[in-house]
PDB file of N, CA and C in Angstrom:
ATOM      1  N   UNK A   1      53.197  -8.277  36.358  1.00  0.00           N
ATOM      2  CA  UNK A   1      53.097  -9.802  36.198  1.00  0.00           C
ATOM      3  C   UNK A   1      53.891  -9.996  34.701  1.00  0.00           C
ATOM      4  N   UNK A   2      54.789 -10.751  35.092  1.00  0.00           N
ATOM      5  CA  UNK A   2      55.645 -11.182  34.287  1.00  0.00           C
ATOM      6  C   UNK A   2      55.498 -12.590  33.327  1.00  0.00           C
ATOM      7  N   UNK A   3      55.556 -12.484  32.086  1.00  0.00           N
ATOM      8  CA  UNK A   3      55.101 -13.557  31.221  1.00  0.00           C
ATOM      9  C   UNK A   3      56.362 -14.834  31.275  1.00  0.00           C
ATOM     10  N   UNK A   4      55.676 -15.928  31.507  1.00  0.00           N
ATOM     11  CA  UNK A   4      56.670 -17.218  31.539  1.00  0.00           C
ATOM     12  C   UNK A   4      57.055 -17.347  29.932  1.00  0.00           C
ATOM     13  N   UNK A   5      58.083 -18.397  29.840  1.00  0.00           N
ATOM     14  CA  UNK A   5      58.542 -18.632  28.735  1.00  0.00           C
ATOM     15  C   UNK A   5      57.525 -19.159  27.636  1.00  0.00           C
ATOM     16  N   UNK A   6      56.469 -20.045  28.116  1.00  0.00           N
ATOM     17  CA  UNK A   6      55.468 -20.480  27.151  1.00  0.00           C
ATOM     18  C   UNK A   6      54.681 -19.323  26.825  1.00  0.00           C
ATOM     19  N   UNK A   7      54.473 -18.383  27.437  1.00  0.00           N
ATOM     20  CA  UNK A   7      53.458 -17.390  27.028  1.00  0.00           C
ATOM     21  C   UNK A   7      54.191 -16.333  25.969  1.00  0.00           C
ATOM     22  N   UNK A   8      55.555 -16.245  26.343  1.00  0.00           N
ATOM     23  CA  UNK A   8      56.366 -15.509  25.196  1.00  0.00           C
ATOM     24  C   UNK A   8      56.640 -16.343  23.925  1.00  0.00           C
ATOM     25  N   UNK A   9      56.701 -17.534  23.924  1.00  0.00           N
ATOM     26  CA  UNK A   9      56.667 -18.434  22.669  1.00  0.00           C
ATOM     27  C   UNK A   9      55.572 -18.314  22.070  1.00  0.00           C
ATOM     28  N   UNK A  10      54.392 -18.261  22.894  1.00  0.00           N
ATOM     29  CA  UNK A  10      52.931 -18.227  22.027  1.00  0.00           C
ATOM     30  C   UNK A  10      52.842 -16.803  21.259  1.00  0.00           C
ATOM     31  N   UNK A  11      53.270 -15.880  22.134  1.00  0.00           N
ATOM     32  CA  UNK A  11      53.249 -14.535  21.430  1.00  0.00           C
ATOM     33  C   UNK A  11      54.236 -14.522  20.188  1.00  0.00           C
ATOM     34  N   UNK A  12      55.276 -15.038  20.378  1.00  0.00           N
ATOM     35  CA  UNK A  12      56.239 -14.939  19.377  1.00  0.00           C
ATOM     36  C   UNK A  12      55.819 -15.647  17.886  1.00  0.00           C
ATOM     37  N   UNK A  13      55.017 -16.929  18.305  1.00  0.00           N
ATOM     38  CA  UNK A  13      54.456 -17.443  17.361  1.00  0.00           C
ATOM     39  C   UNK A  13      53.120 -16.859  16.414  1.00  0.00           C
ATOM     40  N   UNK A  14      52.675 -15.855  16.812  1.00  0.00           N
ATOM     41  CA  UNK A  14      51.724 -15.335  16.214  1.00  0.00           C
ATOM     42  C   UNK A  14      52.041 -14.436  15.064  1.00  0.00           C
ATOM     43  N   UNK A  15      51.287 -14.398  14.149  1.00  0.00           N
ATOM     44  CA  UNK A  15      51.634 -13.844  12.484  1.00  0.00           C
ATOM     45  C   UNK A  15      50.857 -12.753  12.841  1.00  0.00           C
ATOM     46  N   UNK A  16      51.363 -11.884  11.749  1.00  0.00           N
ATOM     47  CA  UNK A  16      50.778 -10.656  11.626  1.00  0.00           C
ATOM     48  C   UNK A  16      49.238 -10.578  11.351  1.00  0.00           C
ATOM     49  N   UNK A  17      48.897 -11.481  10.359  1.00  0.00           N
ATOM     50  CA  UNK A  17      47.564 -11.860  10.169  1.00  0.00           C
ATOM     51  C   UNK A  17      46.804 -12.121  11.575  1.00  0.00           C
ATOM     52  N   UNK A  18      47.173 -12.981  12.188  1.00  0.00           N
ATOM     53  CA  UNK A  18      46.581 -13.280  13.371  1.00  0.00           C
ATOM     54  C   UNK A  18      46.246 -12.010  14.527  1.00  0.00           C
ATOM     55  N   UNK A  19      47.224 -11.099  14.530  1.00  0.00           N
ATOM     56  CA  UNK A  19      47.258  -9.845  15.194  1.00  0.00           C
ATOM     57  C   UNK A  19      46.053  -9.155  14.670  1.00  0.00           C
ATOM     58  N   UNK A  20      46.122  -8.970  13.173  1.00  0.00           N
ATOM     59  CA  UNK A  20      44.867  -8.165  12.647  1.00  0.00           C
ATOM     60  C   UNK A  20      43.591  -8.652  12.904  1.00  0.00           C
ATOM     61  N   UNK A  21      43.579 -10.056  12.754  1.00  0.00           N
ATOM     62  CA  UNK A  21      42.095 -10.649  13.068  1.00  0.00           C
ATOM     63  C   UNK A  21      41.557 -10.600  14.403  1.00  0.00           C
ATOM     64  N   UNK A  22      42.594 -10.265  15.605  1.00  0.00           N
ATOM     65  CA  UNK A  22      42.373 -10.135  16.641  1.00  0.00           C
ATOM     66  C   UNK A  22      42.104  -8.787  16.982  1.00  0.00           C
ATOM     67  N   UNK A  23      42.412  -7.826  16.338  1.00  0.00           N
ATOM     68  CA  UNK A  23      41.837  -6.340  16.676  1.00  0.00           C
ATOM     69  C   UNK A  23      40.621  -6.191  15.981  1.00  0.00           C
ATOM     70  N   UNK A  24      40.158  -7.008  15.197  1.00  0.00           N
ATOM     71  CA  UNK A  24      38.830  -6.960  14.389  1.00  0.00           C
ATOM     72  C   UNK A  24      38.020  -7.898  15.161  1.00  0.00           C
ATOM     73  N   UNK A  25      38.006  -8.401  16.440  1.00  0.00           N
ATOM     74  CA  UNK A  25      37.317  -9.440  16.943  1.00  0.00           C
ATOM     75  C   UNK A  25      35.771  -8.661  17.490  1.00  0.00           C
ATOM     76  N   UNK A  26      34.891  -9.502  17.428  1.00  0.00           N
ATOM     77  CA  UNK A  26      33.673  -8.853  17.993  1.00  0.00           C
ATOM     78  C   UNK A  26      33.726  -7.773  19.404  1.00  0.00           C
ATOM     79  N   UNK A  27      32.861  -6.871  19.684  1.00  0.00           N
ATOM     80  CA  UNK A  27      33.122  -6.160  20.632  1.00  0.00           C
ATOM     81  C   UNK A  27      34.365  -5.043  20.758  1.00  0.00           C
ATOM     82  N   UNK A  28      34.775  -4.969  19.442  1.00  0.00           N
ATOM     83  CA  UNK A  28      35.922  -3.975  19.252  1.00  0.00           C
ATOM     84  C   UNK A  28      35.065  -2.618  19.371  1.00  0.00           C
ATOM     85  N   UNK A  29      35.647  -1.683  20.001  1.00  0.00           N
ATOM     86  CA  UNK A  29      35.080  -0.611  20.461  1.00  0.00           C
ATOM     87  C   UNK A  29      35.655   0.613  19.168  1.00  0.00           C
ATOM     88  N   UNK A  30      35.750   0.103  17.938  1.00  0.00           N
ATOM     89  CA  UNK A  30      36.092   1.278  16.731  1.00  0.00           C
ATOM     90  C   UNK A  30      34.857   2.034  16.498  1.00  0.00           C
ATOM     91  N   UNK A  31      34.963   3.248  15.915  1.00  0.00           N
ATOM     92  CA  UNK A  31      33.889   4.023  15.746  1.00  0.00           C
ATOM     93  C   UNK A  31      33.742   4.182  14.309  1.00  0.00           C
ATOM     94  N   UNK A  32      32.381   4.325  14.029  1.00  0.00           N
ATOM     95  CA  UNK A  32      32.153   4.195  12.261  1.00  0.00           C
ATOM     96  C   UNK A  32      32.442   5.434  11.886  1.00  0.00           C
ATOM     97  N   UNK A  33      33.129   5.817  10.614  1.00  0.00           N
ATOM     98  CA  UNK A  33      33.450   6.879  10.001  1.00  0.00           C
ATOM     99  C   UNK A  33      32.053   7.831   9.678  1.00  0.00           C
ATOM    100  N   UNK A  34      32.332   8.667   9.100  1.00  0.00           N
ATOM    101  CA  UNK A  34      30.966   9.555   8.555  1.00  0.00           C
ATOM    102  C   UNK A  34      30.135   8.772   7.748  1.00  0.00           C
ATOM    103  N   UNK A  35      30.720   8.115   6.694  1.00  0.00           N
ATOM    104  CA  UNK A  35      29.772   7.337   5.672  1.00  0.00           C
ATOM    105  C   UNK A  35      29.263   6.176   6.366  1.00  0.00           C
ATOM    106  N   UNK A  36      29.583   5.873   7.710  1.00  0.00           N
ATOM    107  CA  UNK A  36      28.855   4.569   8.252  1.00  0.00           C
ATOM    108  C   UNK A  36      27.869   5.266   9.096  1.00  0.00           C
ATOM    109  N   UNK A  37      27.793   6.687   9.611  1.00  0.00           N
ATOM    110  CA  UNK A  37      26.818   7.209  10.636  1.00  0.00           C
ATOM    111  C   UNK A  37      25.575   7.133   9.813  1.00  0.00           C
ATOM    112  N   UNK A  38      25.367   7.536   8.518  1.00  0.00           N
ATOM    113  CA  UNK A  38      23.873   7.842   7.984  1.00  0.00           C
ATOM    114  C   UNK A  38      23.289   6.190   8.027  1.00  0.00           C
ATOM    115  N   UNK A  39      23.597   5.092   7.609  1.00  0.00           N
ATOM    116  CA  UNK A  39      23.163   3.950   7.476  1.00  0.00           C
ATOM    117  C   UNK A  39      22.694   3.450   9.024  1.00  0.00           C
ATOM    118  N   UNK A  40      23.483   3.843  10.042  1.00  0.00           N
ATOM    119  CA  UNK A  40      23.099   3.605  11.260  1.00  0.00           C
ATOM    120  C   UNK A  40      21.976   4.593  11.679  1.00  0.00           C
ATOM    121  N   UNK A  41      22.179   5.652  11.373  1.00  0.00           N
ATOM    122  CA  UNK A  41      20.979   6.644  11.973  1.00  0.00           C
ATOM    123  C   UNK A  41      19.606   6.387  11.090  1.00  0.00           C
ATOM    124  N   UNK A  42      19.794   6.133   9.963  1.00  0.00           N
ATOM    125  CA  UNK A  42      18.486   5.639   8.886  1.00  0.00           C
ATOM    126  C   UNK A  42      17.876   4.241   9.572  1.00  0.00           C
ATOM    127  N   UNK A  43      18.742   3.477  10.015  1.00  0.00           N
ATOM    128  CA  UNK A  43      17.975   2.436  10.384  1.00  0.00           C
ATOM    129  C   UNK A  43      17.250   2.599  11.958  1.00  0.00           C
ATOM    130  N   UNK A  44      18.054   3.399  12.686  1.00  0.00           N
ATOM    131  CA  UNK A  44      17.507   3.713  13.997  1.00  0.00           C
ATOM    132  C   UNK A  44      16.327   4.643  13.865  1.00  0.00           C
ATOM    133  N   UNK A  45      16.345   5.722  13.175  1.00  0.00           N
ATOM    134  CA  UNK A  45      15.101   6.249  12.978  1.00  0.00           C
ATOM    135  C   UNK A  45      14.022   5.603  12.351  1.00  0.00           C
ATOM    136  N   UNK A  46      14.184   4.639  11.394  1.00  0.00           N
ATOM    137  CA  UNK A  46      13.323   3.760  10.840  1.00  0.00           C
ATOM    138  C   UNK A  46      12.409   2.812  11.989  1.00  0.00           C
ATOM    139  N   UNK A  47      13.070   2.409  12.703  1.00  0.00           N
ATOM    140  CA  UNK A  47      12.572   1.776  13.963  1.00  0.00           C
ATOM    141  C   UNK A  47      11.884   2.474  14.884  1.00  0.00           C
ATOM    142  N   UNK A  48      12.376   3.654  15.067  1.00  0.00           N
ATOM    143  CA  UNK A  48      11.683   4.562  16.021  1.00  0.00           C
ATOM    144  C   UNK A  48      10.470   5.097  15.632  1.00  0.00           C
ATOM    145  N   UNK A  49      10.373   5.392  14.140  1.00  0.00           N
ATOM    146  CA  UNK A  49       8.972   5.813  13.480  1.00  0.00           C
ATOM    147  C   UNK A  49       8.323   4.795  12.860  1.00  0.00           C
ATOM    148  N   UNK A  50       8.750   3.656  12.807  1.00  0.00           N
ATOM    149  CA  UNK A  50       7.855   2.388  12.363  1.00  0.00           C
ATOM    150  C   UNK A  50       7.612   2.319  10.666  1.00  0.00           C
ATOM    151  N   UNK A  51       8.719   3.193  10.050  1.00  0.00           N
ATOM    152  CA  UNK A  51       8.824   2.912   8.431  1.00  0.00           C
ATOM    153  C   UNK A  51      10.007   2.115   8.051  1.00  0.00           C
ATOM    154  N   UNK A  52      10.007   1.643   6.966  1.00  0.00           N
ATOM    155  CA  UNK A  52      11.086   0.988   6.301  1.00  0.00           C
ATOM    156  C   UNK A  52      12.018   1.788   6.132  1.00  0.00           C
ATOM    157  N   UNK A  53      13.506   1.494   6.162  1.00  0.00           N
ATOM    158  CA  UNK A  53      14.664   2.117   6.190  1.00  0.00           C
ATOM    159  C   UNK A  53      14.811   2.801   4.930  1.00  0.00           C
ATOM    160  N   UNK A  54      14.286   2.254   3.800  1.00  0.00           N
ATOM    161  CA  UNK A  54      14.524   2.586   2.292  1.00  0.00           C
ATOM    162  C   UNK A  54      13.579   4.147   1.894  1.00  0.00           C
ATOM    163  N   UNK A  55      12.684   4.363   2.912  1.00  0.00           N
ATOM    164  CA  UNK A  55      11.906   5.676   2.973  1.00  0.00           C
ATOM    165  C   UNK A  55      12.506   6.719   3.786  1.00  0.00           C
ATOM    166  N   UNK A  56      13.453   6.228   4.419  1.00  0.00           N
ATOM    167  CA  UNK A  56      14.227   7.534   5.196  1.00  0.00           C
ATOM    168  C   UNK A  56      15.157   8.127   4.596  1.00  0.00           C
ATOM    169  N   UNK A  57      15.126   9.589   4.354  1.00  0.00           N
ATOM    170  CA  UNK A  57      16.048  10.055   3.602  1.00  0.00           C
ATOM    171  C   UNK A  57      16.636  11.171   4.339  1.00  0.00           C
ATOM    172  N   UNK A  58      17.870  11.534   4.033  1.00  0.00           N
ATOM    173  CA  UNK A  58      18.496  12.619   4.991  1.00  0.00           C
ATOM    174  C   UNK A  58      18.011  13.767   5.042  1.00  0.00           C
ATOM    175  N   UNK A  59      17.276  14.299   4.034  1.00  0.00           N
ATOM    176  CA  UNK A  59      16.549  15.550   3.922  1.00  0.00           C
ATOM    177  C   UNK A  59      15.357  15.530   4.935  1.00  0.00           C
ATOM    178  N   UNK A  60      14.925  14.483   5.294  1.00  0.00           N
ATOM    179  CA  UNK A  60      13.706  14.531   6.219  1.00  0.00           C
ATOM    180  C   UNK A  60      13.888  15.303   7.382  1.00  0.00           C
ATOM    181  N   UNK A  61      12.822  16.279   7.718  1.00  0.00           N
ATOM    182  CA  UNK A  61      12.937  17.187   8.931  1.00  0.00           C
ATOM    183  C   UNK A  61      12.570  16.389  10.038  1.00  0.00           C
ATOM    184  N   UNK A  62      13.248  16.449  11.000  1.00  0.00           N
ATOM    185  CA  UNK A  62      13.182  15.706  12.035  1.00  0.00           C
ATOM    186  C   UNK A  62      11.635  16.017  12.901  1.00  0.00           C
ATOM    187  N   UNK A  63      11.228  17.047  13.074  1.00  0.00           N
ATOM    188  CA  UNK A  63       9.931  17.237  13.696  1.00  0.00           C
ATOM    189  C   UNK A  63       8.807  17.263  12.686  1.00  0.00           C
ATOM    190  N   UNK A  64       8.948  18.091  11.736  1.00  0.00           N
ATOM    191  CA  UNK A  64       7.671  18.123  10.569  1.00  0.00           C
ATOM    192  C   UNK A  64       7.532  16.807   9.815  1.00  0.00           C
ATOM    193  N   UNK A  65       8.590  16.214   9.423  1.00  0.00           N
ATOM    194  CA  UNK A  65       8.353  15.140   8.517  1.00  0.00           C
ATOM    195  C   UNK A  65       8.297  13.773   9.650  1.00  0.00           C
ATOM    196  N   UNK A  66       8.975  13.823  10.432  1.00  0.00           N
ATOM    197  CA  UNK A  66       9.076  12.512  11.100  1.00  0.00           C
ATOM    198  C   UNK A  66       8.308  12.499  12.527  1.00  0.00           C
ATOM    199  N   UNK A  67       7.749  13.731  12.969  1.00  0.00           N
ATOM    200  CA  UNK A  67       6.899  13.882  14.158  1.00  0.00           C
ATOM    201  C   UNK A  67       7.943  13.415  15.555  1.00  0.00           C
ATOM    202  N   UNK A  68       9.095  13.458  15.408  1.00  0.00           N
ATOM    203  CA  UNK A  68       9.988  13.146  16.586  1.00  0.00           C
ATOM    204  C   UNK A  68       9.996  14.249  17.604  1.00  0.00           C
ATOM    205  N   UNK A  69       9.343  14.044  18.649  1.00  0.00           N
ATOM    206  CA  UNK A  69       9.397  14.942  19.647  1.00  0.00           C
ATOM    207  C   UNK A  69      10.761  14.779  20.463  1.00  0.00           C
ATOM    208  N   UNK A  70      10.949  15.834  21.396  1.00  0.00           N
ATOM    209  CA  UNK A  70      12.305  15.809  22.260  1.00  0.00           C
ATOM    210  C   UNK A  70      12.605  14.574  22.626  1.00  0.00           C
ATOM    211  N   UNK A  71      11.615  13.722  23.224  1.00  0.00           N
ATOM    212  CA  UNK A  71      11.957  12.529  23.996  1.00  0.00           C
ATOM    213  C   UNK A  71      12.448  11.230  22.944  1.00  0.00           C
ATOM    214  N   UNK A  72      11.514  11.285  21.726  1.00  0.00           N
ATOM    215  CA  UNK A  72      11.834  10.583  20.771  1.00  0.00           C
ATOM    216  C   UNK A  72      13.290  10.749  20.113  1.00  0.00           C
ATOM    217  N   UNK A  73      13.442  11.959  19.933  1.00  0.00           N
ATOM    218  CA  UNK A  73      14.667  12.612  19.366  1.00  0.00           C
ATOM    219  C   UNK A  73      15.881  12.033  20.012  1.00  0.00           C
ATOM    220  N   UNK A  74      15.654  12.144  21.433  1.00  0.00           N
ATOM    221  CA  UNK A  74      16.844  11.751  22.209  1.00  0.00           C
ATOM    222  C   UNK A  74      16.801  10.167  22.463  1.00  0.00           C
ATOM    223  N   UNK A  75      16.015   9.649  22.026  1.00  0.00           N
ATOM    224  CA  UNK A  75      16.011   7.958  22.032  1.00  0.00           C
ATOM    225  C   UNK A  75      16.643   7.710  20.884  1.00  0.00           C
ATOM    226  N   UNK A  76      16.547   8.210  19.859  1.00  0.00           N
ATOM    227  CA  UNK A  76      17.316   7.870  18.593  1.00  0.00           C
ATOM    228  C   UNK A  76      18.778   8.442  18.840  1.00  0.00           C
ATOM    229  N   UNK A  77      19.232   9.598  19.486  1.00  0.00           N
ATOM    230  CA  UNK A  77      20.581  10.061  19.620  1.00  0.00           C
ATOM    231  C   UNK A  77      21.179   9.000  20.746  1.00  0.00           C
ATOM    232  N   UNK A  78      20.497   8.601  21.711  1.00  0.00           N
ATOM    233  CA  UNK A  78      21.188   7.741  22.623  1.00  0.00           C
ATOM    234  C   UNK A  78      21.430   6.370  21.776  1.00  0.00           C
ATOM    235  N   UNK A  79      20.711   5.859  20.999  1.00  0.00           N
ATOM    236  CA  UNK A  79      20.634   4.873  20.220  1.00  0.00           C
ATOM    237  C   UNK A  79      22.085   4.924  19.174  1.00  0.00           C
ATOM    238  N   UNK A  80      22.030   5.916  18.662  1.00  0.00           N
ATOM    239  CA  UNK A  80      23.161   6.185  17.794  1.00  0.00           C
ATOM    240  C   UNK A  80      24.400   6.258  18.519  1.00  0.00           C
ATOM    241  N   UNK A  81      24.380   7.146  19.675  1.00  0.00           N
ATOM    242  CA  UNK A  81      25.560   7.231  20.427  1.00  0.00           C
ATOM    243  C   UNK A  81      26.190   5.759  20.795  1.00  0.00           C
ATOM    244  N   UNK A  82      25.175   4.905  21.308  1.00  0.00           N
ATOM    245  CA  UNK A  82      25.724   3.553  21.743  1.00  0.00           C
ATOM    246  C   UNK A  82      26.284   2.941  20.838  1.00  0.00           C
ATOM    247  N   UNK A  83      25.843   3.010  19.579  1.00  0.00           N
ATOM    248  CA  UNK A  83      26.374   2.311  18.415  1.00  0.00           C
ATOM    249  C   UNK A  83      27.553   2.716  17.880  1.00  0.00           C
ATOM    250  N   UNK A  84      27.738   4.092  18.056  1.00  0.00           N
ATOM    251  CA  UNK A  84      29.064   4.609  17.398  1.00  0.00           C
ATOM    252  C   UNK A  84      29.973   4.801  18.655  1.00  0.00           C
ATOM    253  N   UNK A  85      29.689   4.910  19.900  1.00  0.00           N
ATOM    254  CA  UNK A  85      30.729   5.175  20.948  1.00  0.00           C
ATOM    255  C   UNK A  85      31.199   6.576  20.786  1.00  0.00           C
ATOM    256  N   UNK A  86      30.294   7.412  20.506  1.00  0.00           N
ATOM    257  CA  UNK A  86      30.417   8.792  20.655  1.00  0.00           C
ATOM    258  C   UNK A  86      29.330   9.462  21.481  1.00  0.00           C
ATOM    259  N   UNK A  87      29.638  10.790  21.792  1.00  0.00           N
ATOM    260  CA  UNK A  87      28.901  11.593  22.651  1.00  0.00           C
ATOM    261  C   UNK A  87      28.463  12.700  21.613  1.00  0.00           C
ATOM    262  N   UNK A  88      27.236  12.838  21.421  1.00  0.00           N
ATOM    263  CA  UNK A  88      26.891  14.345  20.419  1.00  0.00           C
ATOM    264  C   UNK A  88      26.332  14.978  21.462  1.00  0.00           C
ATOM    265  N   UNK A  89      26.868  16.351  21.389  1.00  0.00           N
ATOM    266  CA  UNK A  89      26.493  17.374  22.240  1.00  0.00           C
ATOM    267  C   UNK A  89      25.061  17.770  22.127  1.00  0.00           C
ATOM    268  N   UNK A  90      24.486  18.022  23.460  1.00  0.00           N
ATOM    269  CA  UNK A  90      23.028  18.329  23.237  1.00  0.00           C
ATOM    270  C   UNK A  90      22.686  19.743  22.434  1.00  0.00           C
ATOM    271  N   UNK A  91      23.479  20.701  22.445  1.00  0.00           N
ATOM    272  CA  UNK A  91      23.222  21.755  21.491  1.00  0.00           C
ATOM    273  C   UNK A  91      23.179  21.280  20.079  1.00  0.00           C
ATOM    274  N   UNK A  92      24.161  20.369  19.603  1.00  0.00           N
ATOM    275  CA  UNK A  92      24.100  20.044  18.289  1.00  0.00           C
ATOM    276  C   UNK A  92      22.715  19.253  17.938  1.00  0.00           C
ATOM    277  N   UNK A  93      22.419  18.339  18.808  1.00  0.00           N
ATOM    278  CA  UNK A  93      20.898  17.711  18.746  1.00  0.00           C
ATOM    279  C   UNK A  93      19.723  18.799  18.616  1.00  0.00           C
ATOM    280  N   UNK A  94      20.273  19.611  19.470  1.00  0.00           N
ATOM    281  CA  UNK A  94      18.871  20.663  19.456  1.00  0.00           C
ATOM    282  C   UNK A  94      18.939  21.539  18.001  1.00  0.00           C
ATOM    283  N   UNK A  95      19.891  21.854  17.655  1.00  0.00           N
ATOM    284  CA  UNK A  95      19.995  22.701  16.466  1.00  0.00           C
ATOM    285  C   UNK A  95      19.822  21.639  15.264  1.00  0.00           C
ATOM    286  N   UNK A  96      19.933  20.553  15.266  1.00  0.00           N
ATOM    287  CA  UNK A  96      19.526  19.766  14.061  1.00  0.00           C
ATOM    288  C   UNK A  96      18.214  19.887  13.411  1.00  0.00           C
ATOM    289  N   UNK A  97      17.957  20.089  12.493  1.00  0.00           N
ATOM    290  CA  UNK A  97      16.619  20.411  11.760  1.00  0.00           C
ATOM    291  C   UNK A  97      16.017  19.086  10.826  1.00  0.00           C
ATOM    292  N   UNK A  98      17.332  18.328  10.388  1.00  0.00           N
ATOM    293  CA  UNK A  98      16.847  17.407   9.408  1.00  0.00           C
ATOM    294  C   UNK A  98      17.904  16.098   9.699  1.00  0.00           C
ATOM    295  N   UNK A  99      17.550  14.891   9.247  1.00  0.00           N
ATOM    296  CA  UNK A  99      18.441  13.882   9.597  1.00  0.00           C
ATOM    297  C   UNK A  99      19.923  14.262   9.058  1.00  0.00           C
ATOM    298  N   UNK A 100      20.243  14.872   7.994  1.00  0.00           N
ATOM    299  CA  UNK A 100      21.539  15.138   7.654  1.00  0.00           C
ATOM    300  C   UNK A 100      22.181  15.968   8.661  1.00  0.00           C
ATOM    301  N   UNK A 101      21.628  16.874   9.166  1.00  0.00           N
ATOM    302  CA  UNK A 101      22.195  17.743  10.238  1.00  0.00           C
ATOM    303  C   UNK A 101      22.623  16.862  11.522  1.00  0.00           C
ATOM    304  N   UNK A 102      21.674  15.909  11.837  1.00  0.00           N
ATOM    305  CA  UNK A 102      22.107  14.964  13.036  1.00  0.00           C
ATOM    306  C   UNK A 102      23.332  14.154  12.476  1.00  0.00           C
ATOM    307  N   UNK A 103      23.162  13.597  11.549  1.00  0.00           N
ATOM    308  CA  UNK A 103      24.559  12.793  10.882  1.00  0.00           C
ATOM    309  C   UNK A 103      25.649  13.497  10.877  1.00  0.00           C
ATOM    310  N   UNK A 104      25.531  14.624  10.494  1.00  0.00           N
ATOM    311  CA  UNK A 104      26.858  15.503  10.549  1.00  0.00           C
ATOM    312  C   UNK A 104      27.287  15.973  12.052  1.00  0.00           C
ATOM    313  N   UNK A 105      26.300  16.101  12.929  1.00  0.00           N
ATOM    314  CA  UNK A 105      26.704  16.168  14.356  1.00  0.00           C
ATOM    315  C   UNK A 105      27.402  15.020  14.954  1.00  0.00           C
ATOM    316  N   UNK A 106      26.961  13.688  14.534  1.00  0.00           N
ATOM    317  CA  UNK A 106      27.350  12.560  14.802  1.00  0.00           C
ATOM    318  C   UNK A 106      28.676  12.475  14.321  1.00  0.00           C
ATOM    319  N   UNK A 107      29.001  12.666  13.190  1.00  0.00           N
ATOM    320  CA  UNK A 107      30.339  12.557  12.488  1.00  0.00           C
ATOM    321  C   UNK A 107      31.354  13.289  12.980  1.00  0.00           C
ATOM    322  N   UNK A 108      31.020  14.637  13.271  1.00  0.00           N
ATOM    323  CA  UNK A 108      31.814  15.662  13.655  1.00  0.00           C
ATOM    324  C   UNK A 108      32.118  15.209  15.432  1.00  0.00           C
ATOM    325  N   UNK A 109      31.372  14.399  15.889  1.00  0.00           N
ATOM    326  CA  UNK A 109      31.681  14.152  17.311  1.00  0.00           C
ATOM    327  C   UNK A 109      32.654  12.803  17.463  1.00  0.00           C
ATOM    328  N   UNK A 110      32.816  12.358  16.192  1.00  0.00           N
ATOM    329  CA  UNK A 110      33.738  10.822  16.295  1.00  0.00           C
ATOM    330  C   UNK A 110      35.596  11.479  16.588  1.00  0.00           C
TER     331      UNK A 110
END
């Protein structure tokens, strides 16, 4: 499909700032970096276990401290994968003993 002269003129009129704003539009599929993974994970876990986010720490053990069985652990992982647009390997999820381990696994998958 070829662009007509009006479409070309409209594209030429766009400034660099407009292009930057367009790439930051809602629905952008960018992935959070490692520093952004922890707050997302913390909030997801807090919602899953019914605790305030500020009570969730990276050192918390997934099973012993949070009582996340396999189904609830994968509910957390699925929500995290949805928010970060990454796929965390099942083996990494199964190996994770703490929330910090899970956050690292998510960050390594980006």
